[in-house]
Amino acid sequence: MTVLVWTAIGLLVGGLLLVAWWFDRDARRRGATPLSGATMGADASSRRWEVRRRESQQLLGGATPRGQDAHHGTWRRPGT
């Protein structure tokens, strides 16, 4: 019985490794590099920090007559 359990676990891990290898090979064929995942994570992190920065600018600005303009200027994309 123990042999069957360990065989099933081994086959599951082997299957997962095969699927991971297949998708990695496909991604590299499309031009992905091994560090592209880390780059995407860093970009996502910088976007989150940018949103937090904008939120803090908006919250610290308070309610002023030009609040709507400040809101638009805070969330506007760079270069627009």
N, C-alpha and C. Protein backbone atom coordinates (compact mmCIF):
# COMPACT_ATOMS: atom_id res chain seq x y z
N MET A 1 0.82 -1.20 0.00
CA MET A 1 0.00 0.00 0.00
C MET A 1 0.87 1.26 0.00
N THR A 2 1.92 1.23 0.81
CA THR A 2 2.82 2.38 0.88
C THR A 2 3.50 2.62 -0.46
N VAL A 3 3.83 1.52 -1.12
CA VAL A 3 4.48 1.63 -2.43
C VAL A 3 3.54 2.30 -3.42
N LEU A 4 2.28 2.00 -3.38
CA LEU A 4 1.31 2.61 -4.29
C LEU A 4 1.17 4.11 -4.03
N VAL A 5 1.15 4.49 -2.75
CA VAL A 5 1.03 5.91 -2.40
C VAL A 5 2.24 6.67 -2.90
N TRP A 6 3.44 6.16 -2.63
CA TRP A 6 4.65 6.86 -3.07
C TRP A 6 4.78 6.85 -4.58
N THR A 7 4.32 5.80 -5.23
CA THR A 7 4.32 5.76 -6.70
C THR A 7 3.38 6.82 -7.26
N ALA A 8 2.20 6.94 -6.66
CA ALA A 8 1.24 7.95 -7.12
C ALA A 8 1.80 9.36 -6.90
N ILE A 9 2.44 9.60 -5.75
CA ILE A 9 3.04 10.91 -5.49
C ILE A 9 4.16 11.19 -6.49
N GLY A 10 4.97 10.18 -6.76
CA GLY A 10 6.05 10.33 -7.74
C GLY A 10 5.53 10.63 -9.13
N LEU A 11 4.48 9.94 -9.52
CA LEU A 11 3.90 10.20 -10.84
C LEU A 11 3.30 11.60 -10.92
N LEU A 12 2.66 12.04 -9.84
CA LEU A 12 2.09 13.39 -9.81
C LEU A 12 3.19 14.44 -9.94
N VAL A 13 4.26 14.28 -9.16
CA VAL A 13 5.37 15.24 -9.23
C VAL A 13 6.02 15.20 -10.61
N GLY A 14 6.20 14.00 -11.15
CA GLY A 14 6.77 13.88 -12.49
C GLY A 14 5.89 14.55 -13.55
N GLY A 15 4.58 14.37 -13.42
CA GLY A 15 3.67 15.02 -14.36
C GLY A 15 3.72 16.53 -14.25
N LEU A 16 3.78 17.04 -13.03
CA LEU A 16 3.88 18.49 -12.84
C LEU A 16 5.20 19.03 -13.42
N LEU A 17 6.28 18.29 -13.23
CA LEU A 17 7.56 18.71 -13.80
C LEU A 17 7.50 18.71 -15.32
N LEU A 18 6.84 17.72 -15.90
CA LEU A 18 6.71 17.66 -17.36
C LEU A 18 5.90 18.85 -17.89
N VAL A 19 4.80 19.17 -17.21
CA VAL A 19 3.97 20.31 -17.63
C VAL A 19 4.75 21.61 -17.48
N ALA A 20 5.48 21.77 -16.37
CA ALA A 20 6.28 22.98 -16.17
C ALA A 20 7.35 23.10 -17.25
N TRP A 21 8.00 22.00 -17.56
CA TRP A 21 9.03 22.03 -18.62
C TRP A 21 8.41 22.42 -19.95
N TRP A 22 7.23 21.89 -20.25
CA TRP A 22 6.58 22.17 -21.53
C TRP A 22 6.23 23.66 -21.65
N PHE A 23 5.63 24.23 -20.61
CA PHE A 23 5.26 25.64 -20.66
C PHE A 23 6.49 26.55 -20.68
N ASP A 24 7.54 26.17 -19.96
CA ASP A 24 8.77 26.96 -19.97
C ASP A 24 9.41 26.94 -21.35
N ARG A 25 9.42 25.78 -21.98
CA ARG A 25 9.99 25.66 -23.33
C ARG A 25 9.18 26.50 -24.32
N ASP A 26 7.86 26.47 -24.18
CA ASP A 26 6.99 27.26 -25.05
C ASP A 26 7.21 28.75 -24.83
N ALA A 27 7.38 29.16 -23.59
CA ALA A 27 7.60 30.58 -23.28
C ALA A 27 8.94 31.04 -23.85
N ARG A 28 9.98 30.22 -23.69
CA ARG A 28 11.29 30.59 -24.24
C ARG A 28 11.25 30.67 -25.75
N ARG A 29 10.46 29.82 -26.37
CA ARG A 29 10.33 29.85 -27.82
C ARG A 29 9.69 31.17 -28.27
N ARG A 30 8.82 31.73 -27.41
CA ARG A 30 8.18 33.01 -27.73
C ARG A 30 9.04 34.19 -27.31
N GLY A 31 10.22 33.94 -26.72
CA GLY A 31 11.13 35.04 -26.42
C GLY A 31 11.27 35.38 -24.96
N ALA A 32 10.66 34.62 -24.07
CA ALA A 32 10.79 34.91 -22.65
C ALA A 32 12.19 34.52 -22.17
N THR A 33 12.69 35.26 -21.21
CA THR A 33 13.98 34.95 -20.61
C THR A 33 13.75 34.45 -19.19
N PRO A 34 14.73 33.76 -18.61
CA PRO A 34 14.52 33.25 -17.24
C PRO A 34 14.25 34.36 -16.22
N LEU A 35 14.75 35.57 -16.46
CA LEU A 35 14.55 36.66 -15.52
C LEU A 35 13.32 37.50 -15.83
N SER A 36 12.58 37.18 -16.87
CA SER A 36 11.44 38.01 -17.24
C SER A 36 10.35 37.97 -16.16
N GLY A 37 10.22 36.85 -15.45
CA GLY A 37 9.25 36.79 -14.36
C GLY A 37 9.61 37.75 -13.23
N ALA A 38 10.90 37.82 -12.90
CA ALA A 38 11.34 38.75 -11.86
C ALA A 38 11.13 40.19 -12.31
N THR A 39 11.35 40.46 -13.58
CA THR A 39 11.13 41.80 -14.11
C THR A 39 9.66 42.18 -14.02
N MET A 40 8.78 41.24 -14.36
CA MET A 40 7.35 41.52 -14.27
C MET A 40 6.95 41.77 -12.82
N GLY A 41 7.51 41.02 -11.89
CA GLY A 41 7.21 41.24 -10.48
C GLY A 41 7.68 42.60 -10.00
N ALA A 42 8.86 43.00 -10.45
CA ALA A 42 9.38 44.32 -10.05
C ALA A 42 8.52 45.44 -10.64
N ASP A 43 8.07 45.25 -11.88
CA ASP A 43 7.20 46.26 -12.49
C ASP A 43 5.88 46.36 -11.74
N ALA A 44 5.32 45.23 -11.36
CA ALA A 44 4.06 45.24 -10.61
C ALA A 44 4.25 45.93 -9.27
N SER A 45 5.38 45.65 -8.62
CA SER A 45 5.65 46.28 -7.33
C SER A 45 5.79 47.79 -7.47
N SER A 46 6.48 48.23 -8.52
CA SER A 46 6.65 49.68 -8.71
C SER A 46 5.31 50.34 -9.03
N ARG A 47 4.43 49.63 -9.76
CA ARG A 47 3.10 50.19 -10.03
C ARG A 47 2.30 50.32 -8.73
N ARG A 48 2.39 49.31 -7.85
CA ARG A 48 1.68 49.40 -6.57
C ARG A 48 2.19 50.57 -5.75
N TRP A 49 3.50 50.77 -5.70
CA TRP A 49 4.06 51.89 -4.94
C TRP A 49 3.64 53.23 -5.55
N GLU A 50 3.54 53.28 -6.87
CA GLU A 50 3.11 54.51 -7.52
C GLU A 50 1.66 54.83 -7.15
N VAL A 51 0.80 53.81 -7.11
CA VAL A 51 -0.59 54.03 -6.70
C VAL A 51 -0.66 54.49 -5.26
N ARG A 52 0.13 53.89 -4.38
CA ARG A 52 0.14 54.33 -2.98
C ARG A 52 0.62 55.77 -2.86
N ARG A 53 1.62 56.14 -3.64
CA ARG A 53 2.12 57.51 -3.61
C ARG A 53 1.03 58.48 -4.04
N ARG A 54 0.33 58.13 -5.12
CA ARG A 54 -0.74 59.01 -5.60
C ARG A 54 -1.87 59.12 -4.59
N GLU A 55 -2.21 57.99 -3.96
CA GLU A 55 -3.27 58.03 -2.96
C GLU A 55 -2.88 58.91 -1.79
N SER A 56 -1.63 58.81 -1.34
CA SER A 56 -1.21 59.64 -0.22
C SER A 56 -1.19 61.12 -0.60
N GLN A 57 -0.82 61.42 -1.84
CA GLN A 57 -0.86 62.82 -2.28
C GLN A 57 -2.29 63.33 -2.26
N GLN A 58 -3.20 62.49 -2.66
CA GLN A 58 -4.60 62.90 -2.72
C GLN A 58 -5.18 63.07 -1.31
N LEU A 59 -4.85 62.14 -0.42
CA LEU A 59 -5.39 62.21 0.94
C LEU A 59 -4.82 63.38 1.72
N LEU A 60 -3.54 63.68 1.52
CA LEU A 60 -2.91 64.76 2.26
C LEU A 60 -3.29 66.13 1.71
N GLY A 61 -3.84 66.17 0.50
CA GLY A 61 -4.21 67.45 -0.11
C GLY A 61 -5.43 68.08 0.53
N GLY A 62 -6.30 67.27 1.11
CA GLY A 62 -7.49 67.79 1.75
C GLY A 62 -8.55 68.22 0.75
N ALA A 63 -9.65 68.75 1.28
CA ALA A 63 -10.76 69.19 0.45
C ALA A 63 -10.56 70.67 0.13
N THR A 64 -10.18 70.97 -1.07
CA THR A 64 -9.97 72.35 -1.50
C THR A 64 -10.88 72.63 -2.68
N PRO A 65 -11.06 73.89 -3.03
CA PRO A 65 -11.89 74.18 -4.20
C PRO A 65 -11.37 73.57 -5.48
N ARG A 66 -10.09 73.32 -5.54
CA ARG A 66 -9.53 72.72 -6.75
C ARG A 66 -9.31 71.21 -6.58
N GLY A 67 -10.07 70.61 -5.72
CA GLY A 67 -9.90 69.18 -5.45
C GLY A 67 -10.09 68.31 -6.67
N GLN A 68 -11.05 68.66 -7.50
CA GLN A 68 -11.30 67.87 -8.71
C GLN A 68 -10.12 67.96 -9.67
N ASP A 69 -9.53 69.16 -9.80
CA ASP A 69 -8.37 69.31 -10.67
C ASP A 69 -7.18 68.55 -10.10
N ALA A 70 -7.02 68.58 -8.78
CA ALA A 70 -5.92 67.85 -8.15
C ALA A 70 -6.11 66.35 -8.35
N HIS A 71 -7.35 65.90 -8.23
CA HIS A 71 -7.64 64.49 -8.44
C HIS A 71 -7.28 64.09 -9.87
N HIS A 72 -7.67 64.90 -10.83
CA HIS A 72 -7.35 64.60 -12.23
C HIS A 72 -5.84 64.61 -12.46
N GLY A 73 -5.15 65.59 -11.90
CA GLY A 73 -3.71 65.68 -12.08
C GLY A 73 -2.95 64.55 -11.42
N THR A 74 -3.48 64.05 -10.30
CA THR A 74 -2.81 62.97 -9.59
C THR A 74 -2.90 61.66 -10.37
N TRP A 75 -4.07 61.39 -10.96
CA TRP A 75 -4.27 60.09 -11.61
C TRP A 75 -4.01 60.11 -13.10
N ARG A 76 -3.64 61.24 -13.61
CA ARG A 76 -3.36 61.33 -15.04
C ARG A 76 -2.10 60.52 -15.36
N ARG A 77 -2.08 59.90 -16.52
CA ARG A 77 -0.91 59.14 -16.92
C ARG A 77 0.22 60.10 -17.27
N PRO A 78 1.46 59.71 -16.99
CA PRO A 78 2.60 60.60 -17.31
C PRO A 78 2.64 60.92 -18.80
N GLY A 79 2.89 62.14 -19.11
CA GLY A 79 3.01 62.57 -20.50
C GLY A 79 1.70 62.93 -21.16
N THR A 80 0.60 62.92 -20.39
CA THR A 80 -0.68 63.28 -21.01
C THR A 80 -1.17 64.62 -20.51
